[in-house]
Amino acid sequence: MNIKKVSEQLEITPDTIRYYERIGLVPPINRNKNGVRDFTDLDIQRLDFIKCMRHAGLSIESLHEYMHLYSLNDDRTIPARKRILEEAEKLDERIASLQETRAYLQHKINVYDSQLTQATNDLKLSEE
């Protein structure tokens, strides 16, 4: 699959994919006879994992370390990989913070809705 299709499928930009390849988060992508990147299912799975972990707040540095440890294919690295993934547990804190922000915004919207309703009612009464 070419980079455009992978980009659309994963909803990440081709530039981001190239960046991840350039910095070594994913191994070099095989190229077809025309020099165009030809992504395998494994390449796509890796990119999807990276996208997920970035959304969870994992740093590029932590992801780089994780991917390196994973590439060693050594069970002795499992505790270190697990510790890195546990950094993503901070996601719960971010979710809670976003929920608080959403609740505050909804409160403000409700206040404005109430004020608009009152203003509309006042205008109708003044027109009578």
N, C-alpha and C. Protein backbone atom coordinates (compact mmCIF):
# COMPACT_ATOMS: atom_id res chain seq x y z
N MET A 1 0.86 -1.17 0.00
CA MET A 1 0.00 0.00 0.00
C MET A 1 0.91 1.23 0.00
N ASN A 2 0.53 2.25 -0.75
CA ASN A 2 1.37 3.45 -0.81
C ASN A 2 1.08 4.40 0.36
N ILE A 3 1.92 5.40 0.49
CA ILE A 3 1.84 6.31 1.65
C ILE A 3 0.53 7.08 1.69
N LYS A 4 -0.01 7.44 0.54
CA LYS A 4 -1.27 8.19 0.51
C LYS A 4 -2.40 7.35 1.11
N LYS A 5 -2.47 6.09 0.72
CA LYS A 5 -3.53 5.21 1.23
C LYS A 5 -3.35 4.94 2.73
N VAL A 6 -2.11 4.72 3.14
CA VAL A 6 -1.84 4.49 4.57
C VAL A 6 -2.21 5.73 5.37
N SER A 7 -1.84 6.88 4.84
CA SER A 7 -2.15 8.15 5.49
C SER A 7 -3.65 8.31 5.68
N GLU A 8 -4.41 8.02 4.65
CA GLU A 8 -5.87 8.12 4.72
C GLU A 8 -6.45 7.10 5.70
N GLN A 9 -5.94 5.88 5.63
CA GLN A 9 -6.44 4.81 6.51
C GLN A 9 -6.21 5.13 7.98
N LEU A 10 -5.01 5.63 8.29
CA LEU A 10 -4.65 5.87 9.69
C LEU A 10 -4.96 7.30 10.15
N GLU A 11 -5.35 8.14 9.20
CA GLU A 11 -5.65 9.55 9.50
C GLU A 11 -4.45 10.26 10.13
N ILE A 12 -3.28 10.04 9.52
CA ILE A 12 -2.08 10.79 9.87
C ILE A 12 -1.46 11.26 8.55
N THR A 13 -0.74 12.34 8.60
CA THR A 13 -0.22 12.92 7.37
C THR A 13 0.96 12.11 6.82
N PRO A 14 1.14 12.16 5.52
CA PRO A 14 2.33 11.52 4.95
C PRO A 14 3.63 12.07 5.56
N ASP A 15 3.65 13.38 5.85
CA ASP A 15 4.84 13.96 6.47
C ASP A 15 5.14 13.32 7.82
N THR A 16 4.09 13.05 8.59
CA THR A 16 4.27 12.41 9.89
C THR A 16 4.82 11.00 9.71
N ILE A 17 4.30 10.28 8.74
CA ILE A 17 4.78 8.93 8.47
C ILE A 17 6.26 8.97 8.08
N ARG A 18 6.61 9.89 7.19
CA ARG A 18 8.01 10.01 6.78
C ARG A 18 8.91 10.37 7.96
N TYR A 19 8.40 11.25 8.83
CA TYR A 19 9.15 11.64 10.03
C TYR A 19 9.40 10.43 10.92
N TYR A 20 8.37 9.64 11.17
CA TYR A 20 8.53 8.46 12.01
C TYR A 20 9.56 7.50 11.41
N GLU A 21 9.56 7.38 10.09
CA GLU A 21 10.55 6.53 9.44
C GLU A 21 11.95 7.13 9.57
N ARG A 22 12.05 8.44 9.34
CA ARG A 22 13.36 9.12 9.38
C ARG A 22 14.02 9.01 10.75
N ILE A 23 13.20 9.12 11.83
CA ILE A 23 13.80 9.08 13.17
C ILE A 23 13.91 7.66 13.72
N GLY A 24 13.46 6.68 12.93
CA GLY A 24 13.65 5.29 13.33
C GLY A 24 12.55 4.70 14.18
N LEU A 25 11.40 5.37 14.29
CA LEU A 25 10.29 4.75 15.03
C LEU A 25 9.76 3.54 14.29
N VAL A 26 9.82 3.58 12.99
CA VAL A 26 9.50 2.41 12.18
C VAL A 26 10.74 2.10 11.35
N PRO A 27 10.98 0.83 11.08
CA PRO A 27 12.12 0.49 10.23
C PRO A 27 11.91 1.08 8.83
N PRO A 28 12.98 1.19 8.06
CA PRO A 28 12.82 1.71 6.70
C PRO A 28 11.75 0.91 5.94
N ILE A 29 10.87 1.64 5.28
CA ILE A 29 9.77 1.01 4.53
C ILE A 29 10.32 0.52 3.19
N ASN A 30 9.96 -0.71 2.85
CA ASN A 30 10.37 -1.24 1.55
C ASN A 30 9.80 -0.36 0.44
N ARG A 31 10.53 -0.32 -0.66
CA ARG A 31 10.10 0.47 -1.81
C ARG A 31 9.93 -0.45 -3.00
N ASN A 32 8.97 -0.08 -3.85
CA ASN A 32 8.75 -0.87 -5.06
C ASN A 32 9.80 -0.51 -6.11
N LYS A 33 9.70 -1.09 -7.29
CA LYS A 33 10.71 -0.87 -8.34
C LYS A 33 10.80 0.58 -8.78
N ASN A 34 9.74 1.37 -8.53
CA ASN A 34 9.74 2.79 -8.88
C ASN A 34 10.22 3.68 -7.74
N GLY A 35 10.62 3.06 -6.62
CA GLY A 35 11.11 3.82 -5.48
C GLY A 35 10.02 4.35 -4.56
N VAL A 36 8.78 3.92 -4.78
CA VAL A 36 7.65 4.36 -3.96
C VAL A 36 7.53 3.45 -2.75
N ARG A 37 7.31 4.05 -1.58
CA ARG A 37 7.15 3.24 -0.37
C ARG A 37 5.99 2.27 -0.56
N ASP A 38 6.22 1.03 -0.13
CA ASP A 38 5.21 -0.03 -0.24
C ASP A 38 5.02 -0.63 1.15
N PHE A 39 3.99 -0.16 1.84
CA PHE A 39 3.75 -0.54 3.24
C PHE A 39 3.14 -1.92 3.34
N THR A 40 3.68 -2.71 4.27
CA THR A 40 3.11 -4.02 4.58
C THR A 40 2.08 -3.86 5.70
N ASP A 41 1.35 -4.91 5.96
CA ASP A 41 0.41 -4.89 7.08
C ASP A 41 1.14 -4.62 8.40
N LEU A 42 2.32 -5.20 8.55
CA LEU A 42 3.09 -4.98 9.78
C LEU A 42 3.50 -3.52 9.92
N ASP A 43 3.92 -2.90 8.82
CA ASP A 43 4.25 -1.46 8.85
C ASP A 43 3.05 -0.65 9.31
N ILE A 44 1.89 -0.99 8.79
CA ILE A 44 0.67 -0.25 9.12
C ILE A 44 0.31 -0.47 10.59
N GLN A 45 0.46 -1.69 11.08
CA GLN A 45 0.19 -1.97 12.49
C GLN A 45 1.12 -1.17 13.39
N ARG A 46 2.39 -1.09 13.02
CA ARG A 46 3.34 -0.31 13.81
C ARG A 46 2.94 1.17 13.84
N LEU A 47 2.61 1.70 12.68
CA LEU A 47 2.20 3.11 12.61
C LEU A 47 0.93 3.35 13.42
N ASP A 48 0.00 2.42 13.38
CA ASP A 48 -1.24 2.56 14.15
C ASP A 48 -0.94 2.54 15.65
N PHE A 49 -0.04 1.67 16.07
CA PHE A 49 0.38 1.61 17.47
C PHE A 49 1.01 2.94 17.88
N ILE A 50 1.91 3.45 17.05
CA ILE A 50 2.57 4.71 17.35
C ILE A 50 1.56 5.84 17.45
N LYS A 51 0.63 5.89 16.53
CA LYS A 51 -0.43 6.91 16.56
C LYS A 51 -1.21 6.82 17.87
N CYS A 52 -1.59 5.62 18.24
CA CYS A 52 -2.34 5.41 19.49
C CYS A 52 -1.55 5.89 20.70
N MET A 53 -0.30 5.52 20.77
CA MET A 53 0.53 5.90 21.91
C MET A 53 0.79 7.41 21.95
N ARG A 54 0.93 8.03 20.79
CA ARG A 54 1.10 9.49 20.76
C ARG A 54 -0.17 10.17 21.27
N HIS A 55 -1.33 9.65 20.87
CA HIS A 55 -2.59 10.21 21.36
C HIS A 55 -2.74 10.01 22.86
N ALA A 56 -2.12 8.96 23.37
CA ALA A 56 -2.18 8.70 24.81
C ALA A 56 -1.18 9.57 25.58
N GLY A 57 -0.35 10.32 24.84
CA GLY A 57 0.56 11.24 25.50
C GLY A 57 1.99 10.74 25.63
N LEU A 58 2.31 9.60 25.06
CA LEU A 58 3.67 9.08 25.14
C LEU A 58 4.59 9.95 24.28
N SER A 59 5.74 10.27 24.81
CA SER A 59 6.70 11.11 24.09
C SER A 59 7.37 10.33 22.97
N ILE A 60 7.90 11.06 22.01
CA ILE A 60 8.66 10.44 20.92
C ILE A 60 9.84 9.66 21.50
N GLU A 61 10.50 10.24 22.50
CA GLU A 61 11.66 9.58 23.10
C GLU A 61 11.27 8.24 23.73
N SER A 62 10.15 8.25 24.47
CA SER A 62 9.69 7.00 25.10
C SER A 62 9.29 5.98 24.05
N LEU A 63 8.63 6.44 23.00
CA LEU A 63 8.24 5.54 21.92
C LEU A 63 9.46 4.96 21.22
N HIS A 64 10.46 5.79 21.03
CA HIS A 64 11.68 5.33 20.38
C HIS A 64 12.33 4.23 21.23
N GLU A 65 12.39 4.45 22.52
CA GLU A 65 12.96 3.44 23.42
C GLU A 65 12.14 2.16 23.38
N TYR A 66 10.81 2.31 23.43
CA TYR A 66 9.92 1.15 23.39
C TYR A 66 10.14 0.34 22.11
N MET A 67 10.14 1.03 20.97
CA MET A 67 10.28 0.34 19.70
C MET A 67 11.64 -0.36 19.61
N HIS A 68 12.67 0.27 20.16
CA HIS A 68 13.99 -0.37 20.17
C HIS A 68 13.94 -1.66 21.01
N LEU A 69 13.38 -1.55 22.21
CA LEU A 69 13.29 -2.73 23.08
C LEU A 69 12.46 -3.83 22.43
N TYR A 70 11.37 -3.43 21.79
CA TYR A 70 10.50 -4.40 21.13
C TYR A 70 11.25 -5.11 20.01
N SER A 71 12.06 -4.35 19.26
CA SER A 71 12.78 -4.93 18.13
C SER A 71 13.82 -5.96 18.57
N LEU A 72 14.24 -5.90 19.83
CA LEU A 72 15.22 -6.88 20.32
C LEU A 72 14.62 -8.28 20.44
N ASN A 73 13.29 -8.34 20.51
CA ASN A 73 12.57 -9.62 20.59
C ASN A 73 13.11 -10.47 21.73
N ASP A 74 13.24 -9.82 22.89
CA ASP A 74 13.82 -10.46 24.07
C ASP A 74 12.84 -10.28 25.23
N ASP A 75 12.35 -11.38 25.76
CA ASP A 75 11.38 -11.32 26.85
C ASP A 75 11.92 -10.59 28.07
N ARG A 76 13.24 -10.51 28.20
CA ARG A 76 13.81 -9.80 29.34
C ARG A 76 13.53 -8.29 29.27
N THR A 77 13.11 -7.80 28.10
CA THR A 77 12.79 -6.37 27.97
C THR A 77 11.33 -6.07 28.30
N ILE A 78 10.56 -7.08 28.58
CA ILE A 78 9.13 -6.88 28.84
C ILE A 78 8.89 -5.92 30.01
N PRO A 79 9.58 -6.07 31.16
CA PRO A 79 9.33 -5.11 32.24
C PRO A 79 9.62 -3.65 31.83
N ALA A 80 10.68 -3.45 31.08
CA ALA A 80 11.00 -2.08 30.63
C ALA A 80 9.95 -1.57 29.66
N ARG A 81 9.49 -2.43 28.74
CA ARG A 81 8.44 -2.02 27.80
C ARG A 81 7.15 -1.70 28.55
N LYS A 82 6.85 -2.51 29.55
CA LYS A 82 5.63 -2.28 30.33
C LYS A 82 5.70 -0.94 31.06
N ARG A 83 6.85 -0.63 31.63
CA ARG A 83 7.01 0.66 32.33
C ARG A 83 6.78 1.84 31.37
N ILE A 84 7.28 1.70 30.16
CA ILE A 84 7.09 2.77 29.18
C ILE A 84 5.60 2.94 28.86
N LEU A 85 4.93 1.83 28.64
CA LEU A 85 3.50 1.90 28.32
C LEU A 85 2.68 2.44 29.50
N GLU A 86 3.15 2.20 30.71
CA GLU A 86 2.44 2.71 31.88
C GLU A 86 2.44 4.24 31.92
N GLU A 87 3.37 4.86 31.21
CA GLU A 87 3.36 6.32 31.11
C GLU A 87 2.05 6.79 30.48
N ALA A 88 1.47 5.95 29.63
CA ALA A 88 0.21 6.30 28.98
C ALA A 88 -0.95 6.32 29.97
N GLU A 89 -0.74 5.77 31.17
CA GLU A 89 -1.80 5.80 32.17
C GLU A 89 -2.14 7.23 32.57
N LYS A 90 -1.26 8.17 32.27
CA LYS A 90 -1.55 9.57 32.52
C LYS A 90 -2.75 10.02 31.69
N LEU A 91 -3.12 9.20 30.74
CA LEU A 91 -4.27 9.49 29.90
C LEU A 91 -5.54 9.67 30.74
N ASP A 92 -5.68 8.89 31.80
CA ASP A 92 -6.86 9.01 32.66
C ASP A 92 -6.94 10.41 33.28
N GLU A 93 -5.79 10.96 33.65
CA GLU A 93 -5.77 12.31 34.21
C GLU A 93 -6.18 13.33 33.15
N ARG A 94 -5.69 13.15 31.94
CA ARG A 94 -6.05 14.06 30.85
C ARG A 94 -7.54 13.97 30.54
N ILE A 95 -8.08 12.76 30.54
CA ILE A 95 -9.51 12.56 30.28
C ILE A 95 -10.33 13.27 31.35
N ALA A 96 -9.95 13.11 32.60
CA ALA A 96 -10.67 13.76 33.70
C ALA A 96 -10.63 15.28 33.55
N SER A 97 -9.47 15.79 33.19
CA SER A 97 -9.32 17.24 33.00
C SER A 97 -10.20 17.72 31.85
N LEU A 98 -10.22 16.98 30.77
CA LEU A 98 -11.06 17.35 29.62
C LEU A 98 -12.54 17.28 29.98
N GLN A 99 -12.92 16.30 30.78
CA GLN A 99 -14.32 16.20 31.21
C GLN A 99 -14.72 17.40 32.07
N GLU A 100 -13.82 17.83 32.94
CA GLU A 100 -14.08 19.02 33.75
C GLU A 100 -14.23 20.26 32.86
N THR A 101 -13.35 20.37 31.89
CA THR A 101 -13.42 21.50 30.96
C THR A 101 -14.72 21.46 30.19
N ARG A 102 -15.11 20.29 29.72
CA ARG A 102 -16.36 20.15 28.97
C ARG A 102 -17.55 20.52 29.84
N ALA A 103 -17.57 20.09 31.08
CA ALA A 103 -18.67 20.42 31.99
C ALA A 103 -18.75 21.93 32.21
N TYR A 104 -17.62 22.58 32.35
CA TYR A 104 -17.60 24.04 32.54
C TYR A 104 -18.15 24.74 31.30
N LEU A 105 -17.69 24.30 30.13
CA LEU A 105 -18.20 24.90 28.90
C LEU A 105 -19.69 24.68 28.74
N GLN A 106 -20.16 23.49 29.07
CA GLN A 106 -21.60 23.21 28.96
C GLN A 106 -22.39 24.10 29.91
N HIS A 107 -21.85 24.34 31.10
CA HIS A 107 -22.50 25.24 32.05
C HIS A 107 -22.62 26.64 31.44
N LYS A 108 -21.52 27.13 30.84
CA LYS A 108 -21.54 28.46 30.23
C LYS A 108 -22.56 28.51 29.08
N ILE A 109 -22.62 27.46 28.28
CA ILE A 109 -23.59 27.40 27.17
C ILE A 109 -25.00 27.44 27.72
N ASN A 110 -25.26 26.70 28.80
CA ASN A 110 -26.59 26.69 29.42
C ASN A 110 -26.97 28.07 29.94
N VAL A 111 -25.99 28.76 30.53
CA VAL A 111 -26.25 30.12 31.02
C VAL A 111 -26.64 31.02 29.86
N TYR A 112 -25.89 30.95 28.76
CA TYR A 112 -26.20 31.78 27.60
C TYR A 112 -27.55 31.40 27.00
N ASP A 113 -27.86 30.13 26.93
CA ASP A 113 -29.17 29.70 26.44
C ASP A 113 -30.28 30.30 27.28
N SER A 114 -30.10 30.28 28.60
CA SER A 114 -31.09 30.84 29.51
C SER A 114 -31.23 32.34 29.29
N GLN A 115 -30.10 33.03 29.15
CA GLN A 115 -30.14 34.47 28.92
C GLN A 115 -30.81 34.81 27.59
N LEU A 116 -30.52 34.00 26.56
CA LEU A 116 -31.15 34.24 25.26
C LEU A 116 -32.65 34.01 25.32
N THR A 117 -33.06 32.97 26.03
CA THR A 117 -34.49 32.69 26.19
C THR A 117 -35.17 33.84 26.91
N GLN A 118 -34.54 34.32 27.99
CA GLN A 118 -35.11 35.44 28.75
C GLN A 118 -35.18 36.69 27.89
N ALA A 119 -34.13 36.97 27.13
CA ALA A 119 -34.11 38.16 26.27
C ALA A 119 -35.19 38.06 25.20
N THR A 120 -35.39 36.89 24.64
CA THR A 120 -36.44 36.69 23.63
C THR A 120 -37.81 36.91 24.25
N ASN A 121 -38.02 36.36 25.43
CA ASN A 121 -39.30 36.54 26.12
C ASN A 121 -39.53 38.01 26.45
N ASP A 122 -38.50 38.70 26.93
CA ASP A 122 -38.62 40.14 27.25
C ASP A 122 -38.96 40.94 26.00
N LEU A 123 -38.35 40.58 24.88
CA LEU A 123 -38.62 41.30 23.63
C LEU A 123 -40.05 41.08 23.17
N LYS A 124 -40.54 39.87 23.31
CA LYS A 124 -41.93 39.58 22.93
C LYS A 124 -42.89 40.38 23.78
N LEU A 125 -42.59 40.44 25.09
CA LEU A 125 -43.46 41.19 26.00
C LEU A 125 -43.44 42.69 25.69
N SER A 126 -42.30 43.22 25.33
CA SER A 126 -42.20 44.65 25.03
C SER A 126 -42.88 45.00 23.72
N GLU A 127 -43.04 44.02 22.82
CA GLU A 127 -43.68 44.26 21.54
C GLU A 127 -45.20 44.22 21.68
N GLU A 128 -45.69 43.65 22.72
CA GLU A 128 -47.17 43.53 22.89
C GLU A 128 -47.81 44.78 23.37
